[in-house]
């Protein structure tokens, strides 16, 4: 599971395992507002030679204020200024 919040990731893992004990889940930190975090995640994922079985994109946002990431991109659309 690629998540930015480890406590929420582990809560989700616990919930999934309560329904399916044999579920094989791994948490890796990935904060999409930081390109450095995304690169670290990708490097670690590839190094661990993990199998990607399911990809769920859950990044729905609405009416956020205009904020720049640490890389200088707008958080909602990731466009350059």
PDB file of N, CA and C in Angstrom:
ATOM      1  N   UNK A   1       0.845  -1.169   0.000  1.00  0.00           N
ATOM      2  CA  UNK A   1       0.000   0.000   0.000  1.00  0.00           C
ATOM      3  C   UNK A   1       0.889   1.229   0.000  1.00  0.00           C
ATOM      4  N   UNK A   2       0.685   2.072  -0.962  1.00  0.00           N
ATOM      5  CA  UNK A   2       1.416   3.329  -1.034  1.00  0.00           C
ATOM      6  C   UNK A   2       0.539   4.407  -0.418  1.00  0.00           C
ATOM      7  N   UNK A   3       0.936   4.898   0.738  1.00  0.00           N
ATOM      8  CA  UNK A   3       0.152   5.898   1.464  1.00  0.00           C
ATOM      9  C   UNK A   3       1.093   6.914   2.086  1.00  0.00           C
ATOM     10  N   UNK A   4       0.587   8.100   2.319  1.00  0.00           N
ATOM     11  CA  UNK A   4       1.423   9.105   2.981  1.00  0.00           C
ATOM     12  C   UNK A   4       1.274   9.048   4.494  1.00  0.00           C
ATOM     13  N   UNK A   5       0.170   8.494   4.986  1.00  0.00           N
ATOM     14  CA  UNK A   5      -0.114   8.435   6.420  1.00  0.00           C
ATOM     15  C   UNK A   5      -0.002   6.983   6.895  1.00  0.00           C
ATOM     16  N   UNK A   6       1.059   6.677   7.619  1.00  0.00           N
ATOM     17  CA  UNK A   6       1.304   5.291   8.027  1.00  0.00           C
ATOM     18  C   UNK A   6       0.221   4.750   8.955  1.00  0.00           C
ATOM     19  N   UNK A   7      -0.300   5.571   9.863  1.00  0.00           N
ATOM     20  CA  UNK A   7      -1.320   5.066  10.784  1.00  0.00           C
ATOM     21  C   UNK A   7      -2.597   4.690  10.033  1.00  0.00           C
ATOM     22  N   UNK A   8      -2.975   5.485   9.031  1.00  0.00           N
ATOM     23  CA  UNK A   8      -4.157   5.149   8.222  1.00  0.00           C
ATOM     24  C   UNK A   8      -3.892   3.913   7.363  1.00  0.00           C
ATOM     25  N   UNK A   9      -2.669   3.773   6.878  1.00  0.00           N
ATOM     26  CA  UNK A   9      -2.321   2.600   6.075  1.00  0.00           C
ATOM     27  C   UNK A   9      -2.446   1.335   6.914  1.00  0.00           C
ATOM     28  N   UNK A  10      -1.899   1.369   8.126  1.00  0.00           N
ATOM     29  CA  UNK A  10      -1.957   0.182   8.976  1.00  0.00           C
ATOM     30  C   UNK A  10      -3.386  -0.111   9.434  1.00  0.00           C
ATOM     31  N   UNK A  11      -4.205   0.912   9.609  1.00  0.00           N
ATOM     32  CA  UNK A  11      -5.624   0.693   9.923  1.00  0.00           C
ATOM     33  C   UNK A  11      -6.311  -0.018   8.760  1.00  0.00           C
ATOM     34  N   UNK A  12      -6.019   0.419   7.545  1.00  0.00           N
ATOM     35  CA  UNK A  12      -6.607  -0.212   6.352  1.00  0.00           C
ATOM     36  C   UNK A  12      -6.128  -1.652   6.216  1.00  0.00           C
ATOM     37  N   UNK A  13      -4.849  -1.888   6.470  1.00  0.00           N
ATOM     38  CA  UNK A  13      -4.305  -3.246   6.401  1.00  0.00           C
ATOM     39  C   UNK A  13      -5.000  -4.144   7.419  1.00  0.00           C
ATOM     40  N   UNK A  14      -5.162  -3.652   8.643  1.00  0.00           N
ATOM     41  CA  UNK A  14      -5.849  -4.429   9.681  1.00  0.00           C
ATOM     42  C   UNK A  14      -7.284  -4.748   9.273  1.00  0.00           C
ATOM     43  N   UNK A  15      -7.959  -3.777   8.690  1.00  0.00           N
ATOM     44  CA  UNK A  15      -9.353  -3.986   8.268  1.00  0.00           C
ATOM     45  C   UNK A  15      -9.428  -5.035   7.152  1.00  0.00           C
ATOM     46  N   UNK A  16      -8.524  -4.950   6.195  1.00  0.00           N
ATOM     47  CA  UNK A  16      -8.506  -5.925   5.093  1.00  0.00           C
ATOM     48  C   UNK A  16      -8.210  -7.318   5.643  1.00  0.00           C
ATOM     49  N   UNK A  17      -7.232  -7.409   6.538  1.00  0.00           N
ATOM     50  CA  UNK A  17      -6.863  -8.714   7.096  1.00  0.00           C
ATOM     51  C   UNK A  17      -7.952  -9.285   7.999  1.00  0.00           C
ATOM     52  N   UNK A  18      -8.799  -8.423   8.561  1.00  0.00           N
ATOM     53  CA  UNK A  18      -9.908  -8.938   9.374  1.00  0.00           C
ATOM     54  C   UNK A  18     -10.937  -9.649   8.495  1.00  0.00           C
ATOM     55  N   UNK A  19     -10.973  -9.293   7.231  1.00  0.00           N
ATOM     56  CA  UNK A  19     -11.881  -9.945   6.276  1.00  0.00           C
ATOM     57  C   UNK A  19     -11.200 -11.085   5.526  1.00  0.00           C
ATOM     58  N   UNK A  20      -9.899 -10.953   5.343  1.00  0.00           N
ATOM     59  CA  UNK A  20      -9.147 -11.955   4.564  1.00  0.00           C
ATOM     60  C   UNK A  20      -7.767 -12.109   5.196  1.00  0.00           C
ATOM     61  N   UNK A  21      -7.665 -13.028   6.145  1.00  0.00           N
ATOM     62  CA  UNK A  21      -6.441 -13.191   6.940  1.00  0.00           C
ATOM     63  C   UNK A  21      -5.200 -13.451   6.109  1.00  0.00           C
ATOM     64  N   UNK A  22      -5.353 -14.161   4.995  1.00  0.00           N
ATOM     65  CA  UNK A  22      -4.182 -14.518   4.192  1.00  0.00           C
ATOM     66  C   UNK A  22      -3.730 -13.406   3.241  1.00  0.00           C
ATOM     67  N   UNK A  23      -4.374 -12.266   3.302  1.00  0.00           N
ATOM     68  CA  UNK A  23      -4.004 -11.150   2.424  1.00  0.00           C
ATOM     69  C   UNK A  23      -2.551 -10.750   2.663  1.00  0.00           C
ATOM     70  N   UNK A  24      -1.802 -10.636   1.587  1.00  0.00           N
ATOM     71  CA  UNK A  24      -0.403 -10.230   1.665  1.00  0.00           C
ATOM     72  C   UNK A  24      -0.324  -8.747   1.323  1.00  0.00           C
ATOM     73  N   UNK A  25      -0.056  -7.956   2.323  1.00  0.00           N
ATOM     74  CA  UNK A  25      -0.032  -6.505   2.144  1.00  0.00           C
ATOM     75  C   UNK A  25       1.276  -5.937   2.677  1.00  0.00           C
ATOM     76  N   UNK A  26       1.802  -4.964   1.965  1.00  0.00           N
ATOM     77  CA  UNK A  26       3.015  -4.264   2.375  1.00  0.00           C
ATOM     78  C   UNK A  26       2.733  -2.772   2.306  1.00  0.00           C
ATOM     79  N   UNK A  27       3.134  -2.050   3.335  1.00  0.00           N
ATOM     80  CA  UNK A  27       2.994  -0.592   3.338  1.00  0.00           C
ATOM     81  C   UNK A  27       4.324   0.047   2.986  1.00  0.00           C
ATOM     82  N   UNK A  28       4.287   0.974   2.033  1.00  0.00           N
ATOM     83  CA  UNK A  28       5.436   1.811   1.703  1.00  0.00           C
ATOM     84  C   UNK A  28       4.960   3.259   1.690  1.00  0.00           C
ATOM     85  N   UNK A  29       5.700   4.122   2.358  1.00  0.00           N
ATOM     86  CA  UNK A  29       5.317   5.535   2.414  1.00  0.00           C
ATOM     87  C   UNK A  29       5.489   6.180   1.046  1.00  0.00           C
ATOM     88  N   UNK A  30       4.478   6.953   0.644  1.00  0.00           N
ATOM     89  CA  UNK A  30       4.546   7.691  -0.614  1.00  0.00           C
ATOM     90  C   UNK A  30       3.663   8.925  -0.502  1.00  0.00           C
ATOM     91  N   UNK A  31       4.287  10.080  -0.451  1.00  0.00           N
ATOM     92  CA  UNK A  31       3.563  11.351  -0.375  1.00  0.00           C
ATOM     93  C   UNK A  31       3.596  11.997  -1.759  1.00  0.00           C
ATOM     94  N   UNK A  32       2.444  12.036  -2.411  1.00  0.00           N
ATOM     95  CA  UNK A  32       2.378  12.541  -3.791  1.00  0.00           C
ATOM     96  C   UNK A  32       2.640  14.041  -3.913  1.00  0.00           C
ATOM     97  N   UNK A  33       2.714  14.748  -2.774  1.00  0.00           N
ATOM     98  CA  UNK A  33       3.056  16.170  -2.849  1.00  0.00           C
ATOM     99  C   UNK A  33       4.559  16.386  -2.857  1.00  0.00           C
ATOM    100  N   UNK A  34       5.326  15.297  -2.834  1.00  0.00           N
ATOM    101  CA  UNK A  34       6.785  15.387  -2.840  1.00  0.00           C
ATOM    102  C   UNK A  34       7.357  14.441  -3.890  1.00  0.00           C
ATOM    103  N   UNK A  35       7.935  15.014  -4.942  1.00  0.00           N
ATOM    104  CA  UNK A  35       8.531  14.175  -5.981  1.00  0.00           C
ATOM    105  C   UNK A  35       9.661  13.316  -5.419  1.00  0.00           C
ATOM    106  N   UNK A  36      10.362  13.821  -4.407  1.00  0.00           N
ATOM    107  CA  UNK A  36      11.409  13.053  -3.741  1.00  0.00           C
ATOM    108  C   UNK A  36      10.811  11.813  -3.074  1.00  0.00           C
ATOM    109  N   UNK A  37       9.675  11.961  -2.414  1.00  0.00           N
ATOM    110  CA  UNK A  37       8.995  10.834  -1.768  1.00  0.00           C
ATOM    111  C   UNK A  37       8.542   9.813  -2.811  1.00  0.00           C
ATOM    112  N   UNK A  38       8.020  10.290  -3.931  1.00  0.00           N
ATOM    113  CA  UNK A  38       7.565   9.396  -4.999  1.00  0.00           C
ATOM    114  C   UNK A  38       8.747   8.613  -5.559  1.00  0.00           C
ATOM    115  N   UNK A  39       9.876   9.287  -5.769  1.00  0.00           N
ATOM    116  CA  UNK A  39      11.062   8.602  -6.287  1.00  0.00           C
ATOM    117  C   UNK A  39      11.572   7.573  -5.287  1.00  0.00           C
ATOM    118  N   UNK A  40      11.607   7.933  -4.008  1.00  0.00           N
ATOM    119  CA  UNK A  40      12.046   6.983  -2.974  1.00  0.00           C
ATOM    120  C   UNK A  40      11.130   5.758  -2.959  1.00  0.00           C
ATOM    121  N   UNK A  41       9.824   5.995  -3.053  1.00  0.00           N
ATOM    122  CA  UNK A  41       8.868   4.890  -3.092  1.00  0.00           C
ATOM    123  C   UNK A  41       9.155   3.978  -4.286  1.00  0.00           C
ATOM    124  N   UNK A  42       9.290   4.564  -5.466  1.00  0.00           N
ATOM    125  CA  UNK A  42       9.525   3.772  -6.683  1.00  0.00           C
ATOM    126  C   UNK A  42      10.815   2.972  -6.586  1.00  0.00           C
ATOM    127  N   UNK A  43      11.874   3.609  -6.113  1.00  0.00           N
ATOM    128  CA  UNK A  43      13.158   2.916  -5.971  1.00  0.00           C
ATOM    129  C   UNK A  43      13.028   1.727  -5.011  1.00  0.00           C
ATOM    130  N   UNK A  44      12.370   1.934  -3.870  1.00  0.00           N
ATOM    131  CA  UNK A  44      12.203   0.866  -2.884  1.00  0.00           C
ATOM    132  C   UNK A  44      11.299  -0.241  -3.419  1.00  0.00           C
ATOM    133  N   UNK A  45      10.208   0.142  -4.076  1.00  0.00           N
ATOM    134  CA  UNK A  45       9.287  -0.847  -4.648  1.00  0.00           C
ATOM    135  C   UNK A  45      10.018  -1.743  -5.648  1.00  0.00           C
ATOM    136  N   UNK A  46      10.788  -1.142  -6.529  1.00  0.00           N
ATOM    137  CA  UNK A  46      11.539  -1.920  -7.522  1.00  0.00           C
ATOM    138  C   UNK A  46      12.604  -2.790  -6.852  1.00  0.00           C
ATOM    139  N   UNK A  47      13.287  -2.241  -5.862  1.00  0.00           N
ATOM    140  CA  UNK A  47      14.330  -2.981  -5.159  1.00  0.00           C
ATOM    141  C   UNK A  47      13.752  -4.201  -4.431  1.00  0.00           C
ATOM    142  N   UNK A  48      12.543  -4.061  -3.890  1.00  0.00           N
ATOM    143  CA  UNK A  48      11.916  -5.152  -3.139  1.00  0.00           C
ATOM    144  C   UNK A  48      11.326  -6.222  -4.066  1.00  0.00           C
ATOM    145  N   UNK A  49      11.288  -5.924  -5.359  1.00  0.00           N
ATOM    146  CA  UNK A  49      10.768  -6.865  -6.353  1.00  0.00           C
ATOM    147  C   UNK A  49       9.361  -7.357  -5.981  1.00  0.00           C
ATOM    148  N   UNK A  50       8.537  -6.419  -5.552  1.00  0.00           N
ATOM    149  CA  UNK A  50       7.167  -6.745  -5.155  1.00  0.00           C
ATOM    150  C   UNK A  50       6.275  -6.892  -6.382  1.00  0.00           C
ATOM    151  N   UNK A  51       5.238  -7.678  -6.228  1.00  0.00           N
ATOM    152  CA  UNK A  51       4.259  -7.854  -7.292  1.00  0.00           C
ATOM    153  C   UNK A  51       3.105  -6.877  -7.045  1.00  0.00           C
ATOM    154  N   UNK A  52       2.745  -6.129  -8.075  1.00  0.00           N
ATOM    155  CA  UNK A  52       1.616  -5.202  -7.981  1.00  0.00           C
ATOM    156  C   UNK A  52       0.377  -5.903  -8.521  1.00  0.00           C
ATOM    157  N   UNK A  53      -0.551  -6.219  -7.625  1.00  0.00           N
ATOM    158  CA  UNK A  53      -1.754  -6.940  -8.012  1.00  0.00           C
ATOM    159  C   UNK A  53      -2.946  -6.023  -8.245  1.00  0.00           C
ATOM    160  N   UNK A  54      -3.034  -4.959  -7.469  1.00  0.00           N
ATOM    161  CA  UNK A  54      -4.186  -4.056  -7.550  1.00  0.00           C
ATOM    162  C   UNK A  54      -3.687  -2.620  -7.459  1.00  0.00           C
ATOM    163  N   UNK A  55      -4.242  -1.754  -8.282  1.00  0.00           N
ATOM    164  CA  UNK A  55      -3.921  -0.333  -8.207  1.00  0.00           C
ATOM    165  C   UNK A  55      -5.227   0.430  -8.026  1.00  0.00           C
ATOM    166  N   UNK A  56      -5.367   1.067  -6.873  1.00  0.00           N
ATOM    167  CA  UNK A  56      -6.544   1.878  -6.577  1.00  0.00           C
ATOM    168  C   UNK A  56      -6.073   3.304  -6.358  1.00  0.00           C
ATOM    169  N   UNK A  57      -6.549   4.198  -7.166  1.00  0.00           N
ATOM    170  CA  UNK A  57      -6.198   5.607  -7.011  1.00  0.00           C
ATOM    171  C   UNK A  57      -7.291   6.280  -6.190  1.00  0.00           C
ATOM    172  N   UNK A  58      -6.931   6.725  -4.995  1.00  0.00           N
ATOM    173  CA  UNK A  58      -7.892   7.348  -4.102  1.00  0.00           C
ATOM    174  C   UNK A  58      -7.354   8.709  -3.677  1.00  0.00           C
ATOM    175  N   UNK A  59      -7.360   9.628  -4.604  1.00  0.00           N
ATOM    176  CA  UNK A  59      -6.827  10.958  -4.317  1.00  0.00           C
ATOM    177  C   UNK A  59      -7.848  12.039  -4.674  1.00  0.00           C
ATOM    178  N   UNK A  60      -9.103  11.754  -4.440  1.00  0.00           N
ATOM    179  CA  UNK A  60     -10.157  12.715  -4.774  1.00  0.00           C
ATOM    180  C   UNK A  60     -10.081  13.942  -3.871  1.00  0.00           C
ATOM    181  N   UNK A  61     -10.066  15.094  -4.493  1.00  0.00           N
ATOM    182  CA  UNK A  61     -10.059  16.358  -3.755  1.00  0.00           C
ATOM    183  C   UNK A  61     -11.007  17.323  -4.451  1.00  0.00           C
ATOM    184  N   UNK A  62     -11.465  18.308  -3.694  1.00  0.00           N
ATOM    185  CA  UNK A  62     -12.391  19.274  -4.269  1.00  0.00           C
ATOM    186  C   UNK A  62     -12.221  20.621  -3.584  1.00  0.00           C
ATOM    187  N   UNK A  63     -12.095  21.651  -4.356  1.00  0.00           N
ATOM    188  CA  UNK A  63     -12.062  23.036  -3.876  1.00  0.00           C
ATOM    189  C   UNK A  63     -10.966  23.296  -2.839  1.00  0.00           C
ATOM    190  N   UNK A  64      -9.773  22.784  -3.103  1.00  0.00           N
ATOM    191  CA  UNK A  64      -8.656  23.084  -2.213  1.00  0.00           C
ATOM    192  C   UNK A  64      -8.114  24.475  -2.513  1.00  0.00           C
ATOM    193  N   UNK A  65      -7.538  25.135  -1.517  1.00  0.00           N
ATOM    194  CA  UNK A  65      -6.908  26.431  -1.799  1.00  0.00           C
ATOM    195  C   UNK A  65      -5.666  26.226  -2.666  1.00  0.00           C
ATOM    196  N   UNK A  66      -5.247  27.266  -3.341  1.00  0.00           N
ATOM    197  CA  UNK A  66      -4.055  27.199  -4.184  1.00  0.00           C
ATOM    198  C   UNK A  66      -2.833  27.074  -3.287  1.00  0.00           C
ATOM    199  N   UNK A  67      -2.168  25.932  -3.371  1.00  0.00           N
ATOM    200  CA  UNK A  67      -0.983  25.663  -2.563  1.00  0.00           C
ATOM    201  C   UNK A  67       0.063  25.007  -3.460  1.00  0.00           C
ATOM    202  N   UNK A  68       1.310  25.401  -3.262  1.00  0.00           N
ATOM    203  CA  UNK A  68       2.407  24.807  -4.019  1.00  0.00           C
ATOM    204  C   UNK A  68       3.061  23.695  -3.213  1.00  0.00           C
ATOM    205  N   UNK A  69       3.488  22.645  -3.904  1.00  0.00           N
ATOM    206  CA  UNK A  69       4.239  21.582  -3.256  1.00  0.00           C
ATOM    207  C   UNK A  69       5.664  22.058  -3.038  1.00  0.00           C
ATOM    208  N   UNK A  70       6.456  21.255  -2.329  1.00  0.00           N
ATOM    209  CA  UNK A  70       7.860  21.612  -2.101  1.00  0.00           C
ATOM    210  C   UNK A  70       8.643  21.686  -3.404  1.00  0.00           C
ATOM    211  N   UNK A  71       8.093  21.088  -4.472  1.00  0.00           N
ATOM    212  CA  UNK A  71       8.755  21.089  -5.771  1.00  0.00           C
ATOM    213  C   UNK A  71       8.282  22.229  -6.672  1.00  0.00           C
ATOM    214  N   UNK A  72       7.363  23.067  -6.154  1.00  0.00           N
ATOM    215  CA  UNK A  72       6.901  24.219  -6.906  1.00  0.00           C
ATOM    216  C   UNK A  72       5.727  23.957  -7.832  1.00  0.00           C
ATOM    217  N   UNK A  73       5.031  22.850  -7.628  1.00  0.00           N
ATOM    218  CA  UNK A  73       3.862  22.522  -8.440  1.00  0.00           C
ATOM    219  C   UNK A  73       2.581  22.754  -7.638  1.00  0.00           C
ATOM    220  N   UNK A  74       1.499  23.060  -8.314  1.00  0.00           N
ATOM    221  CA  UNK A  74       0.200  23.252  -7.660  1.00  0.00           C
ATOM    222  C   UNK A  74      -0.315  21.887  -7.207  1.00  0.00           C
ATOM    223  N   UNK A  75      -0.790  21.802  -5.957  1.00  0.00           N
ATOM    224  CA  UNK A  75      -1.126  20.502  -5.377  1.00  0.00           C
ATOM    225  C   UNK A  75      -2.270  19.773  -6.069  1.00  0.00           C
ATOM    226  N   UNK A  76      -3.261  20.469  -6.574  1.00  0.00           N
ATOM    227  CA  UNK A  76      -4.413  19.805  -7.157  1.00  0.00           C
ATOM    228  C   UNK A  76      -4.124  19.274  -8.555  1.00  0.00           C
ATOM    229  N   UNK A  77      -3.486  20.063  -9.365  1.00  0.00           N
ATOM    230  CA  UNK A  77      -3.286  19.682 -10.775  1.00  0.00           C
ATOM    231  C   UNK A  77      -1.835  19.389 -11.116  1.00  0.00           C
ATOM    232  N   UNK A  78      -0.924  19.635 -10.201  1.00  0.00           N
ATOM    233  CA  UNK A  78       0.497  19.404 -10.425  1.00  0.00           C
ATOM    234  C   UNK A  78       1.010  20.124 -11.664  1.00  0.00           C
ATOM    235  N   UNK A  79       0.570  21.351 -11.837  1.00  0.00           N
ATOM    236  CA  UNK A  79       1.031  22.135 -12.989  1.00  0.00           C
ATOM    237  C   UNK A  79       2.127  23.091 -12.527  1.00  0.00           C
ATOM    238  N   UNK A  80       2.971  23.466 -13.431  1.00  0.00           N
ATOM    239  CA  UNK A  80       4.010  24.450 -13.104  1.00  0.00           C
ATOM    240  C   UNK A  80       3.387  25.820 -12.981  1.00  0.00           C
ATOM    241  N   UNK A  81       4.006  26.660 -12.144  1.00  0.00           N
ATOM    242  CA  UNK A  81       3.544  28.055 -11.998  1.00  0.00           C
ATOM    243  C   UNK A  81       3.918  28.861 -13.215  1.00  0.00           C
TER     244      UNK A  81
END
